[in-house]
C-alpha cells in the first residue's frame, strides 16, 4: 500500500515525517546521508539539527570534502617518464597511446600506464645438444643481447615476450647448426653461424611482432660431447699439424722463388757482360790487326821480328823451364827458371822488365854457347876413336 493512500498513516519514506504531500526535503536527505557516513567512520549520532556530530565529516562541509577528493584525484594522475623509458597507456584495458619521456597526466582508475625501458641491454642465455649436418652431436651455449624496439608490441602483442624469445632462439640455432658440418660449428665457422642465427632469430621475432630487436648473438662455447673429446682433440692436432706444414711450405716457396729469380737474373747479366766483353775484345783485336797490317806493309822484316820477340817474351814470362835446341847438334840445353827464381826472388821482376832487344841478345848468346859445347863434344868423340 502506498504511503499516501488512505490508511497508510501518511508515512514519508524520505524523512519519516507525517503529513504533507510535497516532495522530500533535500536538507533532510543530506543530513541522513551524513549520519550514515558518521556511523561508517566511527562518529557518534548528532542531534535533530545536525549540530551535535563529533566526527570529521560532521565538522567539514560536504562541498569542501568533494573538492579535496577531486584535488587528490587530479594530482595522483601525474607521472614521470624517464628518458630511457616509453609509457604504454591503456584506457579501460584498450590501447590508447604511447608516450615518450617527460611529465604526463592520465586519469587514475580510467587509464593504466605501463612503463617499459627501451634502452637497457637485456641478455638471455641458452645451451643444448644439437645435431649437425654430417650427423655429429655438439654441445653449444649461446647468449643473445637485445633491446625493446617497440614498447606497444612488447606489452600487448605477446603474453610472454621473453619466453617467445627463448623458443625462437632455440629454433633458429637448431636450424643453422643442422645446416653446417661439425668442423665448421666447432672451429672457424662459429662467427658465421652466429650471424646466421641472429638474422633468422630477428625474422622470427618480427613475425611474432614481439617488439624485440636483437643486437648481437654470441656463441660462447661449442664442443663435442665428453665421450668423444679425446678423439676430437686428436683430429684438431692433426689439422694444426697440416696447417703448420702448409705454412712452412709456403714460407719456403716464398723464399726460394725470389732467390731463384735473382740467380737467373744474375746469370743473365753475367752472360750479357761476357758477351759485351768478347765483342769488345774481338773488335779491339781486329782494329789492332788492321793497324799491324798497315805497319807490316811498310816494314815486313822488322814487324816479323817484333812479332817473334813478343811471342817469345810471352811464352818465357809464363814458363818455369826452358829447353834450347841447337841446329846441327845432338845436345839440348835446359834452363831451370823456377830454381833461379827461388834463389833470386827479385829476379822475376827483372825478367818481366827486360826489353825485347836484351832478350834477343840473351837468346843469341845461349844459342852460341850451345853450338860451342856441341862442337867440343864432337871433337872429343873423334879423338877418342
Protein backbone atom coordinates (compact mmCIF):
# COMPACT_ATOMS: atom_id res chain seq x y z
CA UNK A 1 0.00 0.00 0.00
CA UNK A 2 1.35 3.44 -0.97
CA UNK A 3 2.43 5.79 1.77
CA UNK A 4 -0.09 8.45 0.78
CA UNK A 5 -3.07 6.14 0.35
CA UNK A 6 -5.88 6.09 2.87
CA UNK A 7 -4.86 4.11 5.88
CA UNK A 8 -1.18 4.49 5.17
CA UNK A 9 -0.62 6.82 8.12
CA UNK A 10 0.88 9.36 5.72
CA UNK A 11 4.36 7.90 6.32
CA UNK A 12 7.04 9.81 4.33
CA UNK A 13 9.68 7.41 3.05
CA UNK A 14 12.31 10.22 2.68
CA UNK A 15 12.28 11.89 6.03
CA UNK A 16 9.88 9.86 8.11
CA UNK A 17 7.62 12.93 8.63
CA UNK A 18 3.94 12.56 8.79
CA UNK A 19 1.56 14.51 6.73
CA UNK A 20 2.06 16.64 3.70
CA UNK A 21 2.01 15.61 0.09
CA UNK A 22 5.03 17.73 -1.05
CA UNK A 23 8.42 16.43 -2.30
CA UNK A 24 11.02 15.18 0.19
CA UNK A 25 13.25 17.74 1.90
CA UNK A 26 16.79 17.77 0.37
CA UNK A 27 18.37 19.00 3.61
CA UNK A 28 16.89 16.14 5.49
CA UNK A 29 18.21 13.68 2.90
CA UNK A 30 21.74 15.16 3.18
CA UNK A 31 21.62 15.01 6.94
CA UNK A 32 20.54 11.38 6.76
CA UNK A 33 23.40 10.57 4.40
CA UNK A 34 25.84 12.40 6.68
CA UNK A 35 24.71 10.43 9.68
CA UNK A 36 25.26 7.20 7.79
CA UNK A 37 28.81 8.32 6.93
CA UNK A 38 29.44 9.19 10.57
CA UNK A 39 28.37 5.74 11.60
CA UNK A 40 30.62 4.19 8.98
CA UNK A 41 33.70 6.18 10.15
CA UNK A 42 33.03 5.87 13.90
CA UNK A 43 31.30 9.18 14.65
CA UNK A 44 28.52 9.49 17.18
CA UNK A 45 24.97 10.33 16.23
CA UNK A 46 24.10 14.02 16.21
CA UNK A 47 21.02 15.91 17.33
CA UNK A 48 17.99 16.66 15.36
CA UNK A 49 19.54 19.81 13.92
CA UNK A 50 22.78 18.01 12.98
CA UNK A 51 24.94 20.28 15.15
CA UNK A 52 25.87 17.73 17.74
CA UNK A 53 28.08 15.47 15.46
CA UNK A 54 31.62 14.93 16.67
CA UNK A 55 33.21 13.23 13.58
CA UNK A 56 35.43 14.75 10.85
CA UNK A 57 32.59 14.61 8.32
CA UNK A 58 30.33 16.25 10.85
CA UNK A 59 32.65 19.26 11.09
CA UNK A 60 33.72 19.57 7.36
CA UNK A 61 31.22 20.69 4.76
CA UNK A 62 30.47 18.13 2.07
CA UNK A 63 31.42 20.50 -0.79
CA UNK A 64 34.91 21.05 0.61
CA UNK A 65 35.31 17.31 1.01
CA UNK A 66 34.44 16.80 -2.65
CA UNK A 67 36.95 19.47 -3.67
CA UNK A 68 39.69 17.78 -1.67
CA UNK A 69 38.87 14.42 -3.19
CA UNK A 70 38.94 15.94 -6.68
CA UNK A 71 42.29 17.61 -5.98
CA UNK A 72 43.80 14.35 -4.77
CA UNK A 73 42.43 12.54 -7.81
CA UNK A 74 43.94 15.18 -10.09
CA UNK A 75 47.40 15.10 -8.53
CA UNK A 76 47.52 11.31 -8.44
CA UNK A 77 47.16 11.28 -12.21
CA UNK A 78 50.61 12.89 -12.78
CA UNK A 79 53.59 10.63 -13.53
CA UNK A 80 57.13 10.98 -14.88
CA UNK A 81 58.58 9.02 -17.81
CA UNK A 82 62.38 8.86 -17.89
CA UNK A 83 64.48 9.41 -21.00
CA UNK A 84 65.17 5.70 -21.45
CA UNK A 85 61.53 4.69 -20.99
CA UNK A 86 58.31 4.66 -23.01
CA UNK A 87 54.83 4.61 -21.43
CA UNK A 88 52.06 2.47 -22.90
CA UNK A 89 48.63 3.90 -21.95
CA UNK A 90 45.60 1.61 -21.77
CA UNK A 91 42.16 3.22 -21.40
CA UNK A 92 39.62 0.81 -19.96
CA UNK A 93 42.01 -2.01 -20.96
CA UNK A 94 42.30 -0.89 -24.60
CA UNK A 95 45.46 0.61 -26.08
CA UNK A 96 45.22 4.39 -26.26
CA UNK A 97 48.70 5.81 -26.97
CA UNK A 98 52.45 5.56 -26.32
CA UNK A 99 54.10 8.47 -24.56
CA UNK A 100 57.74 9.48 -24.52
CA UNK A 101 59.89 10.99 -21.81
CA UNK A 102 58.61 13.87 -19.68
CA UNK A 103 55.80 14.73 -17.25
CA UNK A 104 52.36 13.41 -18.23
CA UNK A 105 48.85 13.14 -16.76
CA UNK A 106 46.28 10.45 -17.16
CA UNK A 107 43.05 9.95 -15.20
CA UNK A 108 43.52 7.33 -12.49
CA UNK A 109 41.22 4.30 -12.44
CA UNK A 110 40.46 5.05 -16.09
CA UNK A 111 43.89 4.79 -17.71
CA UNK A 112 46.54 2.21 -16.94
CA UNK A 113 50.15 3.29 -17.58
CA UNK A 114 52.82 0.63 -18.20
CA UNK A 115 56.40 1.89 -18.37
CA UNK A 116 58.96 -0.02 -20.45
CA UNK A 117 62.72 0.60 -20.56
CA UNK A 118 63.62 0.61 -24.26
CA UNK A 119 67.36 1.35 -23.99
CA UNK A 120 68.56 -1.17 -21.42
CA UNK A 121 70.61 -4.03 -22.85
CA UNK A 122 68.97 -7.30 -21.91
CA UNK A 123 70.59 -10.71 -22.19
CA UNK A 124 69.36 -14.25 -22.48
CA UNK A 125 71.48 -17.41 -22.43
CA UNK A 126 70.69 -20.86 -23.72
CA UNK A 127 72.57 -24.11 -24.13
CA UNK A 128 71.80 -27.50 -25.56
CA UNK A 129 72.93 -30.54 -27.53
CA UNK A 130 72.30 -30.40 -31.26
CA UNK A 131 72.80 -32.47 -34.40
CA UNK A 132 74.94 -31.18 -37.27
CA UNK A 133 74.52 -31.76 -40.99
CA UNK A 134 77.07 -34.60 -41.01
CA UNK A 135 75.15 -36.38 -38.21
CA UNK A 136 77.50 -35.43 -35.37
CA UNK A 137 76.43 -34.21 -31.93
CA UNK A 138 77.77 -30.95 -30.47
CA UNK A 139 77.16 -29.05 -27.22
CA UNK A 140 76.54 -25.32 -27.76
CA UNK A 141 75.99 -22.47 -25.33
CA UNK A 142 74.61 -19.23 -26.75
CA UNK A 143 73.87 -15.73 -25.43
CA UNK A 144 71.67 -13.08 -27.03
CA UNK A 145 71.76 -9.34 -26.32
CA UNK A 146 68.59 -7.47 -27.20
CA UNK A 147 66.64 -4.27 -26.61
CA UNK A 148 62.97 -3.32 -26.92
CA UNK A 149 62.30 -1.52 -30.18
CA UNK A 150 58.50 -1.15 -29.84
CA UNK A 151 57.02 -0.80 -26.35
CA UNK A 152 53.43 -1.35 -27.54
CA UNK A 153 54.23 -4.67 -29.28
CA UNK A 154 56.33 -5.81 -26.32
CA UNK A 155 53.48 -5.16 -23.83
CA UNK A 156 50.36 -6.10 -25.80
CA UNK A 157 51.07 -8.46 -28.71
CA UNK A 158 52.73 -11.38 -26.89
CA UNK A 159 51.77 -12.77 -23.50
CA UNK A 160 55.39 -13.56 -22.52
CA UNK A 161 57.91 -11.93 -24.93
CA UNK A 162 60.99 -13.34 -23.22
CA UNK A 163 59.64 -16.88 -23.39
CA UNK A 164 58.90 -16.32 -27.08
CA UNK A 165 62.48 -15.09 -27.50
CA UNK A 166 63.83 -18.24 -25.84
CA UNK A 167 61.84 -20.59 -28.06
CA UNK A 168 62.65 -18.63 -31.23
CA UNK A 169 66.34 -18.61 -30.35
CA UNK A 170 66.46 -22.37 -29.89
CA UNK A 171 64.61 -22.89 -33.15
CA UNK A 172 66.96 -20.60 -35.11
CA UNK A 173 70.04 -22.16 -33.55
CA UNK A 174 68.97 -25.72 -34.32
CA UNK A 175 68.14 -24.78 -37.90
CA UNK A 176 71.53 -23.13 -38.52
CA UNK A 177 73.60 -25.81 -36.74
CA UNK A 178 71.73 -28.52 -38.61
CA UNK A 179 72.77 -26.85 -41.89
CA UNK A 180 76.52 -26.93 -41.09
CA UNK A 181 79.05 -29.68 -40.58
CA UNK A 182 80.69 -30.34 -37.23
CA UNK A 183 84.07 -28.87 -38.20
CA UNK A 184 82.50 -25.52 -39.11
CA UNK A 185 80.48 -25.39 -35.90
CA UNK A 186 83.46 -26.09 -33.66
CA UNK A 187 86.19 -24.04 -35.40
CA UNK A 188 86.32 -21.17 -37.87
CA UNK A 189 82.62 -21.21 -38.78
CA UNK A 190 81.36 -20.03 -35.37
CA UNK A 191 81.16 -16.33 -36.28
CA UNK A 192 79.28 -17.07 -39.49
CA UNK A 193 76.86 -19.30 -37.58
CA UNK A 194 76.28 -16.54 -35.00
CA UNK A 195 75.41 -14.07 -37.78
CA UNK A 196 73.02 -16.55 -39.42
CA UNK A 197 71.34 -17.24 -36.07
CA UNK A 198 70.88 -13.52 -35.43
CA UNK A 199 69.32 -12.97 -38.86
CA UNK A 200 66.92 -15.89 -38.54
CA UNK A 201 66.02 -15.05 -34.93
CA UNK A 202 65.15 -11.48 -35.87
CA UNK A 203 62.91 -12.78 -38.64
CA UNK A 204 61.04 -14.96 -36.15
CA UNK A 205 60.62 -12.11 -33.65
CA UNK A 206 59.39 -9.73 -36.34
CA UNK A 207 56.86 -12.32 -37.48
CA UNK A 208 55.60 -12.64 -33.89
CA UNK A 209 55.56 -8.79 -33.52
CA UNK A 210 57.27 -9.02 -30.15
CA UNK A 211 58.83 -5.56 -30.37
CA UNK A 212 62.29 -7.04 -29.62
CA UNK A 213 65.44 -6.01 -31.51
CA UNK A 214 68.39 -8.44 -31.41
CA UNK A 215 71.67 -6.54 -31.05
CA UNK A 216 74.19 -9.39 -31.03
CA UNK A 217 74.42 -13.16 -30.82
CA UNK A 218 77.49 -14.75 -29.22
CA UNK A 219 78.38 -18.42 -29.36
CA UNK A 220 80.14 -18.73 -26.02
CA UNK A 221 81.15 -22.36 -26.33
CA UNK A 222 80.88 -25.17 -28.84
CA UNK A 223 82.41 -28.53 -28.12
CA UNK A 224 81.84 -32.19 -28.87
CA UNK A 225 80.34 -34.45 -26.22
CA UNK A 226 82.63 -35.59 -23.42
CA UNK A 227 82.64 -39.18 -24.67
CA UNK A 228 84.42 -38.23 -27.94
CA UNK A 229 86.50 -35.31 -26.67
CA UNK A 230 89.81 -37.22 -26.84
CA UNK A 231 89.25 -38.30 -30.45
CA UNK A 232 88.25 -34.79 -31.39
CA UNK A 233 91.44 -33.39 -29.81
CA UNK A 234 93.47 -35.78 -31.95
CA UNK A 235 91.69 -34.56 -35.06
CA UNK A 236 92.35 -30.95 -34.08
CA UNK A 237 96.05 -31.65 -33.56
CA UNK A 238 96.23 -33.31 -36.96
CA UNK A 239 94.60 -30.27 -38.56
CA UNK A 240 97.00 -27.96 -36.75
CA UNK A 241 99.96 -30.01 -38.00
CA UNK A 242 98.56 -29.86 -41.50
CA UNK A 243 98.19 -26.10 -41.30
CA UNK A 244 101.69 -25.72 -39.86
CA UNK A 245 103.23 -27.79 -42.67
CA UNK A 246 101.34 -25.76 -45.24
CA UNK A 247 102.66 -22.56 -43.72
CA UNK A 248 106.21 -23.90 -43.69
CA UNK A 249 105.93 -24.96 -47.33
CA UNK A 250 104.53 -21.59 -48.26
CA UNK A 251 107.36 -19.85 -46.41
CA UNK A 252 109.95 -21.99 -48.22
CA UNK A 253 108.26 -21.25 -51.53
CA UNK A 254 108.21 -17.53 -50.81
CA UNK A 255 111.95 -17.69 -50.05
CA UNK A 256 113.23 -19.99 -52.80
CA UNK A 257 111.35 -18.47 -55.73
CA UNK A 258 112.75 -14.92 -55.33
CA UNK A 259 116.22 -16.43 -54.79
CA UNK A 260 115.94 -18.46 -58.00
CA UNK A 261 114.73 -15.42 -59.89
CA UNK A 262 117.64 -13.42 -58.54
CA UNK A 263 120.13 -16.11 -59.56
CA UNK A 264 118.61 -16.29 -63.02
CA UNK A 265 118.81 -12.54 -63.41
CA UNK A 266 122.43 -12.56 -62.22
CA UNK A 267 123.34 -15.23 -64.77
CA UNK A 268 121.64 -13.22 -67.50
CA UNK A 269 123.59 -10.12 -66.51
CA UNK A 270 126.86 -12.07 -66.41
CA UNK A 271 126.14 -13.54 -69.84
CA UNK A 272 125.39 -10.10 -71.21
CA UNK A 273 128.59 -8.75 -69.67
CA UNK A 274 130.64 -11.65 -71.12
CA UNK A 275 129.07 -11.10 -74.49
CA UNK A 276 129.91 -7.41 -74.41
CA UNK A 277 133.44 -8.23 -73.24
CA UNK A 278 134.06 -10.77 -76.03
CA UNK A 279 132.62 -8.49 -78.66
CA UNK A 280 134.66 -5.54 -77.42
CA UNK A 281 137.83 -7.66 -77.26
CA UNK A 282 137.24 -9.01 -80.75
CA UNK A 283 136.67 -5.55 -82.09
CA UNK A 284 139.86 -4.37 -80.36
CA UNK A 285 141.88 -7.29 -81.78
CA UNK A 286 140.53 -6.59 -85.23
CA UNK A 287 141.48 -2.93 -85.02
CA UNK A 288 144.96 -3.86 -83.67
CA UNK A 289 145.42 -6.35 -86.52
CA UNK A 290 144.41 -3.72 -89.06
CA UNK A 291 146.97 -1.29 -87.64
CA UNK A 292 149.65 -4.03 -87.50
CA UNK A 293 148.90 -4.94 -91.09
CA UNK A 294 149.49 -1.38 -92.11
CA UNK A 295 152.86 -1.39 -90.28
CA UNK A 296 153.77 -4.80 -91.77
CA UNK A 297 153.24 -3.49 -95.27
CA UNK A 298 155.64 -0.66 -94.51
CA UNK A 299 158.42 -2.87 -92.96
CA UNK A 300 157.76 -6.61 -93.16
CA UNK A 301 161.08 -7.82 -91.71
CA UNK A 302 161.07 -5.54 -88.72
CA UNK A 303 157.46 -6.26 -87.99
CA UNK A 304 158.02 -10.02 -88.28
CA UNK A 305 160.94 -9.90 -85.84
CA UNK A 306 158.92 -7.78 -83.48
CA UNK A 307 156.07 -10.27 -83.50
CA UNK A 308 158.50 -13.13 -82.90
CA UNK A 309 160.09 -11.40 -79.96
CA UNK A 310 156.73 -10.56 -78.44
CA UNK A 311 155.66 -14.18 -78.70
CA UNK A 312 158.92 -15.41 -77.13
CA UNK A 313 158.54 -12.90 -74.32
CA UNK A 314 155.01 -14.02 -73.56
CA UNK A 315 155.98 -17.68 -73.60
CA UNK A 316 159.04 -17.25 -71.40
CA UNK A 317 157.21 -15.00 -68.95
CA UNK A 318 154.67 -17.74 -68.23
CA UNK A 319 157.00 -20.78 -68.20
CA UNK A 320 159.23 -22.01 -65.39
CA UNK A 321 161.57 -24.17 -67.52
CA UNK A 322 163.27 -23.52 -70.89
CA UNK A 323 164.71 -26.11 -73.25
CA UNK A 324 167.01 -24.81 -76.01
CA UNK A 325 167.73 -26.94 -79.10
CA UNK A 326 170.66 -26.16 -81.36
CA UNK A 327 170.66 -26.89 -85.08
CA UNK A 328 173.24 -29.45 -86.08
CA UNK A 329 173.82 -30.68 -82.58
CA UNK A 330 172.56 -33.59 -80.52
CA UNK A 331 172.58 -31.79 -77.21
CA UNK A 332 169.72 -29.83 -75.68
CA UNK A 333 170.22 -27.05 -73.13
CA UNK A 334 167.98 -26.98 -70.02
CA UNK A 335 167.46 -23.71 -68.10
CA UNK A 336 165.54 -24.18 -64.77
CA UNK A 337 163.95 -20.77 -64.41
CA UNK A 338 161.88 -21.85 -61.38
CA UNK A 339 165.02 -22.71 -59.42
CA UNK A 340 166.63 -19.46 -60.43
CA UNK A 341 163.54 -17.55 -59.26
CA UNK A 342 163.54 -19.35 -55.90
CA UNK A 343 167.23 -18.46 -55.31
CA UNK A 344 166.72 -14.91 -56.55
CA UNK A 345 163.19 -13.77 -55.56
CA UNK A 346 163.62 -10.38 -57.12
CA UNK A 347 164.73 -11.70 -60.44
CA UNK A 348 161.23 -12.29 -61.71
CA UNK A 349 160.55 -8.61 -61.71
CA UNK A 350 163.83 -8.06 -63.59
CA UNK A 351 162.85 -10.66 -66.20
CA UNK A 352 159.46 -9.03 -66.76
CA UNK A 353 161.14 -5.64 -67.19
CA UNK A 354 163.73 -6.89 -69.77
CA UNK A 355 163.35 -5.26 -73.18
CA UNK A 356 162.97 -7.34 -76.35
CA UNK A 357 166.46 -6.34 -77.60
CA UNK A 358 168.12 -7.58 -74.41
CA UNK A 359 166.06 -10.75 -74.52
CA UNK A 360 167.20 -11.37 -78.09
CA UNK A 361 170.82 -10.89 -77.11
CA UNK A 362 170.43 -13.41 -74.28
CA UNK A 363 168.90 -15.91 -76.68
CA UNK A 364 171.72 -15.44 -79.17
CA UNK A 365 174.36 -15.91 -76.51
CA UNK A 366 172.68 -19.02 -75.21
CA UNK A 367 172.48 -20.43 -78.73
CA UNK A 368 176.16 -19.67 -79.39
CA UNK A 369 177.17 -21.35 -76.16
CA UNK A 370 175.17 -24.41 -77.07
CA UNK A 371 176.94 -24.61 -80.51
CA UNK A 372 180.35 -24.36 -78.93
CA UNK A 373 179.55 -27.12 -76.43
CA UNK A 374 178.29 -29.26 -79.25
CA UNK A 375 181.48 -28.78 -81.33
CA UNK A 376 183.66 -29.55 -78.32
CA UNK A 377 181.73 -32.73 -77.69
CA UNK A 378 182.12 -33.85 -81.31
CA UNK A 379 185.87 -33.21 -81.39
CA UNK A 380 186.36 -35.13 -78.16
CA UNK A 381 184.44 -38.06 -79.53
CA UNK A 382 186.54 -38.16 -82.76
CA UNK A 383 189.86 -38.02 -80.94
CA UNK A 384 188.83 -40.81 -78.67
CA UNK A 385 188.03 -43.02 -81.59
